[in-house]
Protein backbone atom coordinates (compact mmCIF):
# COMPACT_ATOMS: atom_id res chain seq x y z
CA MET A 1 9.76 -42.75 -16.02
CA LYS A 2 12.05 -41.46 -18.72
CA ILE A 3 11.95 -37.77 -19.66
CA GLY A 4 13.19 -36.53 -23.04
CA TYR A 5 15.01 -33.34 -22.12
CA GLN A 6 16.32 -32.90 -25.67
CA TYR A 7 12.83 -31.85 -26.77
CA THR A 8 12.66 -28.78 -24.55
CA ALA A 9 13.94 -26.71 -27.49
CA LEU A 10 10.63 -27.48 -29.23
CA ILE A 11 8.76 -26.06 -26.24
CA VAL A 12 10.83 -22.88 -26.23
CA THR A 13 10.51 -22.45 -30.01
CA GLY A 14 6.76 -22.97 -29.88
CA LEU A 15 6.34 -20.45 -27.10
CA ALA A 16 8.48 -17.94 -29.01
CA GLY A 17 6.29 -18.34 -32.09
CA ILE A 18 3.14 -17.86 -30.06
CA LEU A 19 4.44 -14.88 -28.12
CA TRP A 20 5.67 -13.15 -31.27
CA GLY A 21 2.71 -14.00 -33.49
CA LEU A 22 -0.22 -13.03 -31.28
CA PRO A 23 0.56 -9.31 -31.04
CA ALA A 24 2.00 -9.23 -34.56
CA ALA A 25 -1.21 -10.64 -36.06
CA HIS A 26 -3.08 -7.59 -34.76
CA ARG A 27 -0.34 -5.02 -35.36
CA LEU A 28 0.79 -5.79 -38.92
CA LYS A 29 -0.97 -4.76 -42.13
CA SER A 30 -3.17 -7.06 -44.18
CA PRO A 31 -0.83 -9.37 -46.12
CA LEU A 32 1.65 -9.78 -43.27
CA ASP A 33 -0.90 -10.53 -40.57
CA ILE A 34 -1.66 -13.84 -42.26
CA ALA A 35 1.96 -14.92 -41.83
CA ALA A 36 1.87 -13.92 -38.16
CA ALA A 37 -1.33 -15.90 -37.62
CA ALA A 38 0.28 -18.90 -39.33
CA ALA A 39 3.28 -18.50 -37.01
CA VAL A 40 0.92 -18.71 -34.02
CA LEU A 41 -0.66 -21.88 -35.38
CA CYS A 42 2.73 -23.46 -36.05
CA GLY A 43 3.89 -22.36 -32.60
CA VAL A 44 0.95 -24.11 -30.96
CA VAL A 45 1.61 -27.31 -32.90
CA VAL A 46 5.35 -27.26 -32.10
CA PHE A 47 4.67 -26.48 -28.42
CA ILE A 48 2.20 -29.36 -28.05
CA LEU A 49 4.57 -31.72 -29.86
CA GLY A 50 7.43 -30.64 -27.59
CA VAL A 51 5.40 -31.18 -24.44
CA LEU A 52 4.22 -34.56 -25.67
CA LEU A 53 7.71 -35.72 -26.60
CA THR A 54 9.21 -34.40 -23.37
CA CYS A 55 6.70 -36.20 -21.17
CA ILE A 56 6.37 -39.36 -23.26
CA PRO A 57 9.53 -39.70 -25.44
CA VAL A 58 8.54 -43.08 -26.92
CA PHE A 59 5.10 -41.88 -28.03
CA PHE A 60 5.83 -42.04 -31.74
């Protein structure tokens, strides 16, 4: 089984987006909380993509 270790940066970046965006979406005022919620959504997508590409590098 081949593991794509070069995609672990995607996992770290996704987790950083999630960990920053969740509290910020509740803490920031009205126009900025939308950007924080979008950062959480993008973080989830990047995290899942990173896990998928790390475990199965020839998926795409």
